[in-house]
């Protein structure tokens, strides 16, 4: 049996059955500090697809970085079929500055596919597309909510792609939400190249969330198993089918003031349920925030100070709620029982 051909990234040759970290030069900061796009390549001994996993396209979305770190330490990565390209931090500039954006205030996820001669954001996007996406058959991009908001673990997938809907179910996050491909996004640019991609949303900017991390790691492993990249041993199937929704809506603050919240991400609500109360600082006026329709809360603000019109609760609409609460409980319990890390590593 002939040995599998090596994999090349950024001029670095990775032999079959080995792994290597590759630093792709991006730019040099104003103080002469070099900045790289760093990727770890695990090139399996046996043939299989090439898959990328990326995180921190928005620099403050650190939960994805933790998911990639845990993934790379999993023992089944040493018996890989195919090739995994793991990029824990795409937007190094934002990550170092605890910022969603690049130094020029551009959102990297609106700059794909980029340009080799464009702005800093365009050049970084172009480098990622050229070196990572073009070499891949499949991808998973990891995100969280912005600072002072939190998201229930969920998969965003474009409607009409049966393969991606199947993979979204395989991933096993609690909720699957249809999401149109947005011009300038990584998903949009990857689709143009024929590289199917899932987008995972979970947790809060600049914060760790154990449930979000465990769900993300297990979801990536399930997709890799489905692609034939790893064996089934130790990779459990979800014990309940994800909740599928066709649409979602944001409930906004009807007045400015301080909000007391009575519902969390993952709670199911019915029309008319009291979600919170906004009060003025003197306590003279209370304004209730109630659910307009039945659904499940997939995101909410964590900031108690709100202005009129601020987004408070993100509700995925569900005509039938009977099974939703059971699904949430079953999947949460499954993640609690899943040994995805060493106990002494909990922060």
Protein backbone atom coordinates (compact mmCIF):
# COMPACT_ATOMS: atom_id res chain seq x y z
CA UNK A 1 0.00 0.00 0.00
CA UNK A 2 1.52 3.32 -1.10
CA UNK A 3 2.08 6.04 1.46
CA UNK A 4 -0.32 8.99 1.30
CA UNK A 5 1.11 12.09 -0.37
CA UNK A 6 2.17 14.95 1.93
CA UNK A 7 0.05 18.08 2.44
CA UNK A 8 1.46 21.52 1.73
CA UNK A 9 0.43 24.77 3.40
CA UNK A 10 2.31 28.03 3.20
CA UNK A 11 5.40 26.32 1.86
CA UNK A 12 5.47 23.84 4.76
CA UNK A 13 5.31 20.13 3.90
CA UNK A 14 3.32 17.97 6.33
CA UNK A 15 3.93 14.26 5.90
CA UNK A 16 1.12 11.73 6.26
CA UNK A 17 0.59 10.71 9.88
CA UNK A 18 2.04 13.93 11.30
CA UNK A 19 0.88 17.36 12.39
CA UNK A 20 2.46 20.80 12.17
CA UNK A 21 1.66 24.40 13.03
CA UNK A 22 2.08 26.75 10.09
CA UNK A 23 2.41 30.53 10.42
CA UNK A 24 1.11 32.41 7.38
CA UNK A 25 2.37 36.04 7.37
CA UNK A 26 -0.45 38.60 7.39
CA UNK A 27 1.09 41.95 8.17
CA UNK A 28 3.51 43.89 10.33
CA UNK A 29 2.15 46.18 13.05
CA UNK A 30 3.18 49.81 13.29
CA UNK A 31 5.77 48.88 15.96
CA UNK A 32 7.35 46.30 13.62
CA UNK A 33 5.67 43.30 15.32
CA UNK A 34 4.79 40.59 12.76
CA UNK A 35 1.26 39.17 12.70
CA UNK A 36 0.49 35.70 11.37
CA UNK A 37 -2.52 33.59 10.50
CA UNK A 38 -1.58 30.40 12.33
CA UNK A 39 -3.04 27.02 11.47
CA UNK A 40 -2.38 23.53 12.77
CA UNK A 41 -2.58 20.83 10.12
CA UNK A 42 -3.23 17.22 11.06
CA UNK A 43 -2.52 15.11 7.97
CA UNK A 44 -3.80 11.60 8.45
CA UNK A 45 -2.10 8.47 7.22
CA UNK A 46 -5.21 7.40 5.33
CA UNK A 47 -7.14 9.15 2.58
CA UNK A 48 -10.18 11.27 3.36
CA UNK A 49 -11.61 14.76 2.96
CA UNK A 50 -9.92 18.01 3.90
CA UNK A 51 -11.87 19.94 6.53
CA UNK A 52 -11.17 23.27 8.19
CA UNK A 53 -12.36 24.49 11.58
CA UNK A 54 -11.98 28.21 12.25
CA UNK A 55 -12.67 30.55 15.14
CA UNK A 56 -12.30 34.20 16.20
CA UNK A 57 -13.09 35.76 12.85
CA UNK A 58 -14.49 38.27 15.31
CA UNK A 59 -11.63 38.76 17.74
CA UNK A 60 -13.76 38.85 20.91
CA UNK A 61 -15.45 35.50 20.22
CA UNK A 62 -13.15 33.38 22.37
CA UNK A 63 -15.39 30.34 22.90
CA UNK A 64 -14.43 29.05 19.45
CA UNK A 65 -10.75 29.28 20.34
CA UNK A 66 -11.37 27.03 23.34
CA UNK A 67 -13.35 24.57 21.20
CA UNK A 68 -10.47 24.29 18.72
CA UNK A 69 -7.96 23.86 21.56
CA UNK A 70 -9.95 20.96 23.02
CA UNK A 71 -10.51 19.42 19.59
CA UNK A 72 -6.78 19.31 18.82
CA UNK A 73 -6.13 17.41 22.07
CA UNK A 74 -8.66 14.66 21.36
CA UNK A 75 -6.95 11.26 21.04
CA UNK A 76 -8.86 10.33 17.86
CA UNK A 77 -7.06 13.14 16.01
CA UNK A 78 -4.01 10.84 15.87
CA UNK A 79 -5.91 8.26 13.80
CA UNK A 80 -7.35 10.65 11.25
CA UNK A 81 -8.60 9.77 7.78
CA UNK A 82 -8.06 12.85 5.63
CA UNK A 83 -6.76 16.23 6.76
CA UNK A 84 -7.88 18.73 9.39
CA UNK A 85 -6.85 22.38 9.17
CA UNK A 86 -7.54 24.09 12.50
CA UNK A 87 -7.35 27.89 12.71
CA UNK A 88 -8.16 28.90 16.31
CA UNK A 89 -7.66 32.63 15.77
CA UNK A 90 -8.38 34.15 12.36
CA UNK A 91 -8.56 37.80 13.48
CA UNK A 92 -5.38 38.10 15.56
CA UNK A 93 -5.67 41.88 15.64
CA UNK A 94 -9.09 41.79 17.27
CA UNK A 95 -8.15 38.91 19.57
CA UNK A 96 -5.18 40.80 21.03
CA UNK A 97 -7.27 43.92 21.54
CA UNK A 98 -10.39 42.11 22.88
CA UNK A 99 -12.25 43.61 19.93
CA UNK A 100 -14.70 42.25 17.38
CA UNK A 101 -13.10 44.28 14.61
CA UNK A 102 -9.81 44.89 12.84
CA UNK A 103 -7.72 48.03 13.53
CA UNK A 104 -9.53 49.88 10.72
CA UNK A 105 -12.89 49.02 12.38
CA UNK A 106 -13.86 46.67 9.57
CA UNK A 107 -15.86 43.51 10.28
CA UNK A 108 -13.79 40.71 8.74
CA UNK A 109 -16.92 38.62 8.14
CA UNK A 110 -18.15 41.23 5.68
CA UNK A 111 -14.92 41.33 3.66
CA UNK A 112 -14.74 37.89 2.01
CA UNK A 113 -13.43 36.80 -0.44
CA UNK A 114 -11.11 39.76 -0.06
CA UNK A 115 -8.28 40.99 -2.23
CA UNK A 116 -4.50 40.61 -2.13
CA UNK A 117 -4.09 44.34 -2.77
CA UNK A 118 -7.01 45.74 -0.78
CA UNK A 119 -7.47 46.92 2.80
CA UNK A 120 -6.01 45.01 5.76
CA UNK A 121 -9.33 43.19 6.19
CA UNK A 122 -9.47 42.34 2.48
CA UNK A 123 -5.92 40.98 2.54
CA UNK A 124 -6.57 38.81 5.58
CA UNK A 125 -9.81 37.51 4.02
CA UNK A 126 -8.00 36.75 0.78
CA UNK A 127 -5.23 34.89 2.61
CA UNK A 128 -7.77 32.76 4.48
CA UNK A 129 -9.67 31.95 1.29
CA UNK A 130 -6.53 31.16 -0.70
CA UNK A 131 -4.64 29.11 1.88
CA UNK A 132 -7.46 27.49 3.88
CA UNK A 133 -10.83 27.40 2.11
CA UNK A 134 -9.55 26.55 -1.38
CA UNK A 135 -7.78 23.51 0.05
CA UNK A 136 -10.88 22.27 1.90
CA UNK A 137 -13.90 20.16 1.06
CA UNK A 138 -15.87 21.16 4.14
CA UNK A 139 -15.69 23.75 6.91
CA UNK A 140 -17.07 24.68 10.33
CA UNK A 141 -16.82 28.29 11.50
CA UNK A 142 -17.24 28.93 15.24
CA UNK A 143 -18.86 32.10 16.60
CA UNK A 144 -20.46 33.54 19.73
CA UNK A 145 -22.72 36.45 20.49
CA UNK A 146 -21.18 39.88 20.86
CA UNK A 147 -20.00 41.30 24.18
CA UNK A 148 -22.83 41.61 26.75
CA UNK A 149 -25.05 39.17 24.86
CA UNK A 150 -25.29 35.39 24.95
CA UNK A 151 -26.45 32.80 22.43
CA UNK A 152 -27.91 29.37 23.00
CA UNK A 153 -25.80 26.80 21.07
CA UNK A 154 -27.23 26.77 17.56
CA UNK A 155 -26.33 25.96 13.97
CA UNK A 156 -26.96 28.45 11.18
CA UNK A 157 -27.46 26.86 7.77
CA UNK A 158 -28.63 28.18 4.41
CA UNK A 159 -32.02 26.90 3.29
CA UNK A 160 -32.28 24.64 0.27
CA UNK A 161 -29.03 22.75 0.83
CA UNK A 162 -30.08 19.24 1.82
CA UNK A 163 -26.55 18.09 2.57
CA UNK A 164 -25.93 20.97 4.93
CA UNK A 165 -29.24 20.46 6.69
CA UNK A 166 -28.26 16.83 7.22
CA UNK A 167 -24.88 17.88 8.62
CA UNK A 168 -26.58 20.42 10.88
CA UNK A 169 -28.66 17.61 12.37
CA UNK A 170 -25.55 15.45 12.72
CA UNK A 171 -23.80 18.27 14.65
CA UNK A 172 -26.51 18.02 17.28
CA UNK A 173 -26.72 21.58 18.63
CA UNK A 174 -30.06 22.27 20.35
CA UNK A 175 -31.40 24.54 17.60
CA UNK A 176 -31.04 24.76 13.81
CA UNK A 177 -31.86 28.14 12.28
CA UNK A 178 -32.11 28.89 8.55
CA UNK A 179 -29.85 31.79 7.69
CA UNK A 180 -29.43 33.33 4.24
CA UNK A 181 -25.94 33.65 2.82
CA UNK A 182 -24.87 37.25 3.36
CA UNK A 183 -22.68 39.00 0.81
CA UNK A 184 -19.17 39.42 2.18
CA UNK A 185 -19.45 36.61 4.73
CA UNK A 186 -17.17 33.59 4.86
CA UNK A 187 -20.13 31.26 4.26
CA UNK A 188 -21.05 33.18 1.09
CA UNK A 189 -17.49 33.13 -0.26
CA UNK A 190 -16.96 29.47 0.64
CA UNK A 191 -20.19 28.50 -1.13
CA UNK A 192 -18.91 30.22 -4.28
CA UNK A 193 -15.89 27.90 -4.17
CA UNK A 194 -18.08 24.83 -3.63
CA UNK A 195 -16.97 24.36 -0.02
CA UNK A 196 -19.96 23.56 2.19
CA UNK A 197 -19.79 25.14 5.63
CA UNK A 198 -21.67 25.11 8.93
CA UNK A 199 -21.76 28.11 11.26
CA UNK A 200 -21.92 27.40 15.00
CA UNK A 201 -23.12 30.15 17.37
CA UNK A 202 -22.88 29.79 21.15
CA UNK A 203 -22.03 31.71 24.29
CA UNK A 204 -20.93 35.30 24.86
CA UNK A 205 -18.06 37.47 23.64
CA UNK A 206 -14.94 37.40 25.87
CA UNK A 207 -16.47 34.69 28.07
CA UNK A 208 -16.18 30.91 28.40
CA UNK A 209 -19.34 28.81 28.57
CA UNK A 210 -18.85 25.13 29.42
CA UNK A 211 -22.09 23.94 27.82
CA UNK A 212 -21.28 25.88 24.63
CA UNK A 213 -17.75 24.48 24.54
CA UNK A 214 -18.81 20.86 25.07
CA UNK A 215 -21.59 21.12 22.50
CA UNK A 216 -19.16 22.63 19.99
CA UNK A 217 -16.45 19.99 20.44
CA UNK A 218 -18.89 17.10 20.24
CA UNK A 219 -20.62 18.66 17.23
CA UNK A 220 -17.35 18.94 15.29
CA UNK A 221 -16.46 15.34 16.16
CA UNK A 222 -19.88 14.14 14.99
CA UNK A 223 -19.41 15.89 11.64
CA UNK A 224 -15.93 14.40 11.27
CA UNK A 225 -17.34 10.96 11.99
CA UNK A 226 -20.07 11.49 9.38
CA UNK A 227 -17.40 12.47 6.84
CA UNK A 228 -15.46 9.29 7.61
CA UNK A 229 -12.54 11.16 9.16
CA UNK A 230 -12.66 9.51 12.60
CA UNK A 231 -14.07 6.30 14.05
CA UNK A 232 -17.35 6.18 15.93
CA UNK A 233 -15.83 5.13 19.24
CA UNK A 234 -16.39 7.80 21.88
CA UNK A 235 -18.49 9.98 19.57
CA UNK A 236 -22.10 9.79 20.75
CA UNK A 237 -25.09 10.61 18.61
CA UNK A 238 -27.46 13.28 19.96
CA UNK A 239 -30.13 11.69 22.15
CA UNK A 240 -32.76 14.08 20.80
CA UNK A 241 -33.28 15.67 17.41
CA UNK A 242 -32.38 19.37 17.25
CA UNK A 243 -35.19 21.90 17.33
CA UNK A 244 -35.74 23.26 13.82
CA UNK A 245 -37.21 26.68 13.32
CA UNK A 246 -38.07 28.60 10.17
CA UNK A 247 -37.73 32.12 11.53
CA UNK A 248 -36.80 34.20 14.55
CA UNK A 249 -37.46 37.68 15.90
CA UNK A 250 -35.89 40.14 18.33
CA UNK A 251 -37.92 41.67 21.13
CA UNK A 252 -36.72 45.21 21.81
CA UNK A 253 -36.87 47.47 24.84
CA UNK A 254 -40.14 49.44 24.90
CA UNK A 255 -38.52 52.05 27.13
CA UNK A 256 -35.14 53.00 28.54
CA UNK A 257 -34.04 52.14 32.07
CA UNK A 258 -33.00 49.06 34.02
CA UNK A 259 -34.32 45.66 33.04
CA UNK A 260 -35.04 42.75 35.35
CA UNK A 261 -35.08 39.55 33.30
CA UNK A 262 -37.13 36.48 34.16
CA UNK A 263 -36.14 34.24 31.24
CA UNK A 264 -32.84 32.74 30.10
CA UNK A 265 -31.48 31.49 26.79
CA UNK A 266 -32.98 28.06 26.23
CA UNK A 267 -36.30 28.81 27.92
CA UNK A 268 -39.47 28.19 25.95
CA UNK A 269 -42.12 30.92 26.01
CA UNK A 270 -45.72 31.27 24.88
CA UNK A 271 -47.45 34.36 23.62
CA UNK A 272 -48.07 36.76 26.51
CA UNK A 273 -45.37 35.37 28.84
CA UNK A 274 -43.64 38.01 30.95
CA UNK A 275 -39.95 38.05 29.97
CA UNK A 276 -38.78 41.09 31.87
CA UNK A 277 -39.66 44.50 33.30
CA UNK A 278 -37.95 47.78 32.39
CA UNK A 279 -38.01 50.34 35.20
CA UNK A 280 -36.82 53.93 35.33
CA UNK A 281 -34.04 54.64 37.90
CA UNK A 282 -36.56 56.17 40.35
CA UNK A 283 -38.86 53.14 40.23
CA UNK A 284 -41.83 55.27 39.21
CA UNK A 285 -42.56 53.59 35.86
CA UNK A 286 -42.49 49.88 35.02
CA UNK A 287 -42.87 48.62 31.45
CA UNK A 288 -43.39 44.93 30.84
CA UNK A 289 -41.65 42.98 28.07
CA UNK A 290 -43.88 40.11 26.92
CA UNK A 291 -43.57 37.44 24.26
CA UNK A 292 -45.36 38.26 21.00
CA UNK A 293 -45.33 34.64 19.80
CA UNK A 294 -44.48 31.19 21.06
CA UNK A 295 -40.91 30.00 20.72
CA UNK A 296 -37.57 29.36 22.37
CA UNK A 297 -35.13 32.04 23.50
CA UNK A 298 -31.92 31.56 21.48
CA UNK A 299 -30.21 34.77 22.57
CA UNK A 300 -30.56 37.66 24.99
CA UNK A 301 -28.75 40.68 26.34
CA UNK A 302 -26.81 40.36 29.59
CA UNK A 303 -26.67 44.10 30.19
CA UNK A 304 -29.25 45.43 32.69
CA UNK A 305 -28.99 49.01 31.39
CA UNK A 306 -31.05 49.46 28.22
CA UNK A 307 -32.17 52.22 25.92
CA UNK A 308 -35.47 52.25 24.09
CA UNK A 309 -35.17 50.01 21.04
CA UNK A 310 -32.28 47.90 22.34
CA UNK A 311 -32.42 44.21 21.41
CA UNK A 312 -33.37 42.19 24.51
CA UNK A 313 -34.51 38.67 23.59
CA UNK A 314 -33.93 36.70 20.38
CA UNK A 315 -36.79 34.24 20.02
CA UNK A 316 -36.90 31.40 17.49
CA UNK A 317 -40.54 30.92 16.60
CA UNK A 318 -42.07 27.48 17.18
CA UNK A 319 -45.73 26.65 16.57
CA UNK A 320 -45.46 23.53 18.75
CA UNK A 321 -43.59 23.80 22.06
CA UNK A 322 -44.45 20.46 23.62
CA UNK A 323 -41.20 18.70 22.70
CA UNK A 324 -38.86 21.71 22.77
CA UNK A 325 -38.31 21.80 26.53
CA UNK A 326 -37.71 18.04 26.62
CA UNK A 327 -35.18 18.35 23.81
CA UNK A 328 -33.28 21.09 25.64
CA UNK A 329 -33.16 19.05 28.86
CA UNK A 330 -32.08 15.84 27.11
CA UNK A 331 -29.25 17.49 25.15
CA UNK A 332 -28.01 19.44 28.18
CA UNK A 333 -27.88 16.28 30.28
CA UNK A 334 -26.01 14.47 27.52
CA UNK A 335 -23.33 17.19 27.45
CA UNK A 336 -23.05 17.10 31.25
CA UNK A 337 -22.24 13.38 31.01
CA UNK A 338 -19.72 13.79 28.18
CA UNK A 339 -16.04 13.64 29.30
CA UNK A 340 -14.51 16.05 26.81
CA UNK A 341 -11.75 17.48 29.00
CA UNK A 342 -9.67 16.89 32.09
CA UNK A 343 -11.55 17.88 35.24
CA UNK A 344 -8.58 19.87 36.55
CA UNK A 345 -8.74 22.13 33.51
CA UNK A 346 -12.03 23.77 34.44
CA UNK A 347 -11.60 27.50 34.89
